[in-house]
Amino acid sequence: MSADPVALTRSTVLALWLQAVGAAPGVAVRSVQDDDEPHTVTGLPGFGDDTAGLKDLVSTWSSGPREVCAVLPAPGDPSGVPAAATHDATEAGECVLVATPAGAWAAVPRITAFGSRLEPGHLVEWRVVPVPPWSTAVAGALGSLADAERELRTSLITATEALDTLDVARWRDDAADAIEAVRRSSTSSWPVPPLDGRRARVLQLASRLLAIVDLATDDDGGAVNLWQADQRSTALREVARTARHALGAAAYARVDG
C-alpha cells in the first residue's frame, strides 16, 4: 500500500469499491492490491475449501442488494464486529463486513511483510467467515456520518493541542517532515471510487487524526518524558477511537443492487 501517512487501510478501500455500482472488478482489485503481491482469499462462499483470488471476492459481492462496511477495531473496542471475527479483526486492526440476502460475512486481511525498507513487499490473505447479521450492532457502535463529522472537528482541536504541547518536531528529527506530510494529504491520491463531499471530508479528517495520534505517541523516550498529564494521553486515545469510528461510518453503505 501507499507510504502516504494518511493512506486508507486495505479494508476501507475494498469496502468503498464493493459499494460502487457498476465498477469494473479489475479496477477495484488493482486499487486494493496496489503494490502488494496478488491477494488470496479463503472461505469465500461458493468456493468450498479452494483458495480464491481478490477478483473472485469483488465479483461475488459487488452486485445485487448488499450492505458493506469497513471496521477498524482495537483492543477493548470491537466496534460492532461480530464475535466470530473479533479476535482476528482486532489483531489485524481492520476488516470488511458484508451482508446480502444470502447471509453475512466478515473478511479479515492477514498481512505479511517481506523485503527491505527500501523495497518492501506484502503478502495478503483475506479470511472470510460467516457471521450473524451485523448492521444494527455496527450502526450502534459507529454512529451516523453526520455525528462522525461533528465529533472529528472537536477531536482535531485536542490532537493539535497535544502535538503543540509535546513539541514533537523538537525531539524527533523526522517529525517536522511527517507533520507537513499530514497537512498536505489529500483524498485525491487515494485509489477509491468517487466520493460525495461529506464522506470525503470525514475520511480525510479521520485519517489525518490517526496520523497525528501516531506522531504524538510513537516515541517511548521523549514522549514519556514530555507527557506531563495522564489526561492528555487519555484524550488522544479517545481521539483515535473517534477517528476509527468515523472511518467506519464513512465506509458503510447499503446498496439496492
Protein backbone atom coordinates (compact mmCIF):
# COMPACT_ATOMS: atom_id res chain seq x y z
CA MET A 1 0.00 0.00 0.00
CA SER A 2 0.98 3.65 -0.32
CA ALA A 3 3.54 5.27 2.00
CA ASP A 4 1.16 8.22 2.40
CA PRO A 5 0.93 8.90 6.17
CA VAL A 6 -2.85 9.05 5.91
CA ALA A 7 -3.37 6.18 3.48
CA LEU A 8 -6.57 4.21 3.92
CA THR A 9 -6.48 0.60 5.07
CA ARG A 10 -6.98 -2.16 2.52
CA SER A 11 -10.32 -2.96 4.15
CA THR A 12 -11.57 0.60 3.72
CA VAL A 13 -10.52 0.75 0.07
CA LEU A 14 -12.12 -2.65 -0.60
CA ALA A 15 -15.38 -1.69 1.13
CA LEU A 16 -15.66 1.53 -0.87
CA TRP A 17 -15.21 -0.35 -4.15
CA LEU A 18 -17.73 -3.04 -3.17
CA GLN A 19 -20.28 -0.23 -2.76
CA ALA A 20 -19.52 1.35 -6.14
CA VAL A 21 -22.34 0.42 -8.52
CA GLY A 22 -21.04 -0.68 -11.92
CA ALA A 23 -17.36 -0.57 -11.01
CA ALA A 24 -15.12 -2.89 -13.04
CA PRO A 25 -13.77 -5.70 -10.81
CA GLY A 26 -10.30 -5.30 -12.30
CA VAL A 27 -10.14 -1.65 -11.30
CA ALA A 28 -11.23 -2.49 -7.76
CA VAL A 29 -8.64 -5.25 -7.47
CA ARG A 30 -5.79 -3.05 -8.69
CA SER A 31 -6.85 -0.29 -6.30
CA VAL A 32 -6.90 -2.57 -3.26
CA GLN A 33 -3.75 -4.56 -4.10
CA ASP A 34 -1.63 -1.57 -5.14
CA ASP A 35 1.99 -2.82 -4.85
CA ASP A 36 1.10 -5.99 -2.90
CA GLU A 37 1.55 -9.46 -4.27
CA PRO A 38 -1.78 -10.79 -5.65
CA HIS A 39 -4.17 -11.22 -2.73
CA THR A 40 -5.61 -14.63 -1.89
CA VAL A 41 -8.99 -15.38 -0.29
CA THR A 42 -10.06 -18.36 1.80
CA GLY A 43 -13.59 -19.21 2.91
CA LEU A 44 -15.32 -17.30 0.12
CA PRO A 45 -18.92 -18.53 -0.35
CA GLY A 46 -19.19 -20.90 -3.30
CA PHE A 47 -15.53 -21.87 -3.32
CA GLY A 48 -15.56 -24.51 -0.58
CA ASP A 49 -12.03 -25.23 0.61
CA ASP A 50 -10.48 -23.79 -2.57
CA THR A 51 -8.39 -20.64 -2.44
CA ALA A 52 -9.90 -17.78 -4.42
CA GLY A 53 -8.46 -14.50 -5.66
CA LEU A 54 -9.42 -10.95 -4.78
CA LYS A 55 -11.24 -10.60 -8.12
CA ASP A 56 -13.45 -13.52 -7.10
CA LEU A 57 -14.33 -11.74 -3.85
CA VAL A 58 -15.10 -8.49 -5.66
CA SER A 59 -17.22 -10.27 -8.27
CA THR A 60 -19.16 -12.13 -5.56
CA TRP A 61 -20.06 -9.04 -3.54
CA SER A 62 -20.18 -6.09 -5.93
CA SER A 63 -23.65 -6.67 -7.37
CA GLY A 64 -27.14 -7.23 -6.03
CA PRO A 65 -28.59 -5.90 -2.77
CA ARG A 66 -25.88 -5.61 -0.13
CA GLU A 67 -24.62 -3.80 2.93
CA VAL A 68 -20.90 -3.19 3.17
CA CYS A 69 -18.74 -1.64 5.86
CA ALA A 70 -15.07 -1.47 6.79
CA VAL A 71 -14.45 -1.50 10.53
CA LEU A 72 -11.22 -0.72 12.40
CA PRO A 73 -11.47 -2.49 15.77
CA ALA A 74 -8.90 -2.10 18.54
CA PRO A 75 -8.31 -3.84 21.88
CA GLY A 76 -11.27 -3.04 24.12
CA ASP A 77 -13.23 -1.57 21.21
CA PRO A 78 -14.61 -4.21 18.82
CA SER A 79 -16.63 -1.51 17.01
CA GLY A 80 -19.52 -3.87 16.38
CA VAL A 81 -17.52 -6.66 14.73
CA PRO A 82 -19.34 -9.98 15.30
CA ALA A 83 -17.77 -12.28 17.89
CA ALA A 84 -16.75 -14.90 15.31
CA ALA A 85 -14.35 -12.40 13.74
CA THR A 86 -13.50 -10.13 16.68
CA HIS A 87 -10.15 -11.70 17.64
CA ASP A 88 -8.69 -11.81 14.13
CA ALA A 89 -10.12 -8.42 13.15
CA THR A 90 -8.74 -6.76 16.28
CA GLU A 91 -5.35 -8.33 15.69
CA ALA A 92 -5.39 -7.06 12.09
CA GLY A 93 -6.89 -3.71 13.09
CA GLU A 94 -9.35 -3.90 10.21
CA CYS A 95 -11.97 -6.00 8.45
CA VAL A 96 -14.71 -5.81 5.84
CA LEU A 97 -18.29 -6.72 6.73
CA VAL A 98 -20.74 -7.76 4.02
CA ALA A 99 -24.42 -8.68 4.20
CA THR A 100 -26.56 -9.94 1.30
CA PRO A 101 -29.87 -11.82 1.06
CA ALA A 102 -27.73 -15.00 1.14
CA GLY A 103 -26.11 -14.22 4.51
CA ALA A 104 -23.49 -12.14 6.27
CA TRP A 105 -19.70 -12.42 6.37
CA ALA A 106 -16.55 -10.83 7.74
CA ALA A 107 -13.39 -10.69 5.62
CA VAL A 108 -10.20 -10.12 7.60
CA PRO A 109 -6.84 -9.50 5.91
CA ARG A 110 -3.77 -11.27 7.20
CA ILE A 111 -0.82 -9.16 6.06
CA THR A 112 2.75 -10.46 5.98
CA ALA A 113 5.54 -8.02 5.19
CA PHE A 114 8.71 -9.07 3.41
CA GLY A 115 11.66 -7.43 1.68
CA SER A 116 13.58 -4.39 2.92
CA ARG A 117 12.73 -0.86 3.98
CA LEU A 118 13.73 0.37 0.54
CA GLU A 119 11.91 -2.41 -1.32
CA PRO A 120 9.04 -3.54 0.90
CA GLY A 121 6.50 -6.13 -0.13
CA HIS A 122 3.33 -7.59 1.33
CA LEU A 123 1.50 -10.87 1.11
CA VAL A 124 -2.21 -10.54 1.90
CA GLU A 125 -4.65 -13.36 2.61
CA TRP A 126 -8.30 -12.47 3.20
CA ARG A 127 -10.01 -14.91 5.55
CA VAL A 128 -13.78 -14.95 5.14
CA VAL A 129 -16.01 -16.26 7.94
CA PRO A 130 -19.83 -16.37 8.15
CA VAL A 131 -21.26 -14.14 10.88
CA PRO A 132 -24.74 -13.20 12.18
CA PRO A 133 -26.41 -10.02 10.85
CA TRP A 134 -24.16 -7.17 11.91
CA SER A 135 -25.65 -3.87 10.72
CA THR A 136 -27.53 -2.97 13.93
CA ALA A 137 -24.51 -3.57 16.17
CA VAL A 138 -22.17 -1.69 13.84
CA ALA A 139 -24.53 1.27 13.50
CA GLY A 140 -24.83 1.46 17.28
CA ALA A 141 -21.07 1.36 17.75
CA LEU A 142 -20.09 3.78 14.99
CA GLY A 143 -22.94 6.29 14.87
CA SER A 144 -24.00 8.32 11.84
CA LEU A 145 -21.80 10.08 9.31
CA ALA A 146 -23.12 13.46 10.46
CA ASP A 147 -22.26 12.65 14.08
CA ALA A 148 -18.81 11.50 12.99
CA GLU A 149 -18.04 14.75 11.18
CA ARG A 150 -19.09 16.84 14.18
CA GLU A 151 -17.04 14.79 16.67
CA LEU A 152 -13.99 14.81 14.40
CA ARG A 153 -13.78 18.59 14.42
CA THR A 154 -13.69 18.63 18.21
CA SER A 155 -11.09 15.87 18.22
CA LEU A 156 -8.90 17.77 15.77
CA ILE A 157 -8.50 20.57 18.32
CA THR A 158 -7.49 18.08 21.02
CA ALA A 159 -4.96 16.32 18.79
CA THR A 160 -3.40 19.54 17.52
CA GLU A 161 -3.01 20.88 21.05
CA ALA A 162 -1.31 17.62 22.06
CA LEU A 163 1.27 17.96 19.27
CA ASP A 164 1.89 21.61 20.16
CA THR A 165 2.35 20.77 23.86
CA LEU A 166 4.70 17.89 23.17
CA ASP A 167 6.66 19.91 20.59
CA VAL A 168 7.10 16.67 18.65
CA ALA A 169 9.23 18.25 15.94
CA ARG A 170 11.86 19.23 18.54
CA TRP A 171 12.55 15.73 19.85
CA ARG A 172 12.08 13.73 16.66
CA ASP A 173 14.26 14.66 13.71
CA ASP A 174 11.82 13.18 11.20
CA ALA A 175 8.68 14.60 12.78
CA ALA A 176 8.64 18.01 11.09
CA ASP A 177 8.53 16.38 7.64
CA ALA A 178 5.92 13.88 8.84
CA ILE A 179 3.70 16.63 10.23
CA GLU A 180 3.96 18.57 6.99
CA ALA A 181 3.07 15.44 5.01
CA VAL A 182 -0.05 15.01 7.11
CA ARG A 183 -1.05 18.62 6.48
CA ARG A 184 -0.56 18.24 2.71
CA SER A 185 -2.50 14.99 2.46
CA SER A 186 -5.48 14.82 0.11
CA THR A 187 -8.11 12.29 -0.85
CA SER A 188 -7.18 12.92 -4.49
CA SER A 189 -4.30 10.46 -4.13
CA TRP A 190 -6.45 7.63 -2.77
CA PRO A 191 -7.33 4.68 -5.04
CA VAL A 192 -11.06 4.91 -4.33
CA PRO A 193 -14.20 5.49 -6.42
CA PRO A 194 -15.74 8.98 -6.50
CA LEU A 195 -16.93 10.06 -3.05
CA ASP A 196 -19.59 12.57 -2.08
CA GLY A 197 -18.43 15.65 -0.19
CA ARG A 198 -19.24 14.59 3.37
CA ARG A 199 -17.77 11.10 3.05
CA ALA A 200 -14.58 12.51 1.53
CA ARG A 201 -14.27 15.08 4.32
CA VAL A 202 -14.82 12.52 7.07
CA LEU A 203 -12.39 10.02 5.55
CA GLN A 204 -9.70 12.65 5.12
CA LEU A 205 -10.06 14.26 8.55
CA ALA A 206 -10.28 10.92 10.38
CA SER A 207 -7.18 9.64 8.58
CA ARG A 208 -5.29 12.81 9.44
CA LEU A 209 -6.28 12.48 13.09
CA LEU A 210 -4.97 8.90 13.27
CA ALA A 211 -1.70 10.05 11.71
CA ILE A 212 -1.41 12.87 14.27
CA VAL A 213 -2.05 10.45 17.14
CA ASP A 214 0.67 8.16 15.75
CA LEU A 215 3.12 11.06 15.66
CA ALA A 216 2.28 12.06 19.24
CA THR A 217 2.61 8.56 20.67
CA ASP A 218 5.30 6.93 18.50
CA ASP A 219 8.24 7.63 20.78
CA ASP A 220 8.87 5.74 24.02
CA GLY A 221 11.63 8.04 25.17
CA GLY A 222 10.93 11.70 24.58
CA ALA A 223 7.18 11.20 24.56
CA VAL A 224 7.14 9.62 28.00
CA ASN A 225 9.43 12.30 29.44
CA LEU A 226 7.41 15.14 27.92
CA TRP A 227 4.00 13.80 28.77
CA GLN A 228 3.06 15.65 31.95
CA ALA A 229 -0.62 14.83 32.20
CA ASP A 230 -2.36 11.48 32.09
CA GLN A 231 -5.45 13.31 30.91
CA ARG A 232 -3.73 14.20 27.64
CA SER A 233 -2.83 10.59 26.94
CA THR A 234 -6.41 9.59 27.64
CA ALA A 235 -7.66 12.35 25.36
CA LEU A 236 -5.52 11.14 22.47
CA ARG A 237 -6.78 7.59 22.89
CA GLU A 238 -10.29 8.99 22.64
CA VAL A 239 -9.28 10.92 19.51
CA ALA A 240 -8.06 7.68 17.95
CA ARG A 241 -11.31 5.91 18.85
CA THR A 242 -13.36 8.75 17.37
CA ALA A 243 -11.29 8.68 14.18
CA ARG A 244 -11.57 4.90 13.77
CA HIS A 245 -15.33 5.01 14.29
CA ALA A 246 -15.63 7.88 11.80
CA LEU A 247 -13.73 5.90 9.18
CA GLY A 248 -16.16 3.04 9.72
CA ALA A 249 -19.18 5.32 9.43
CA ALA A 250 -17.81 6.74 6.17
CA ALA A 251 -17.12 3.26 4.80
CA TYR A 252 -20.68 1.97 5.35
CA ALA A 253 -23.33 1.83 2.66
CA ARG A 254 -26.49 -0.03 1.76
CA VAL A 255 -26.77 -0.72 -1.97
CA ASP A 256 -30.06 -1.81 -3.53
CA GLY A 257 -28.48 -3.55 -6.48
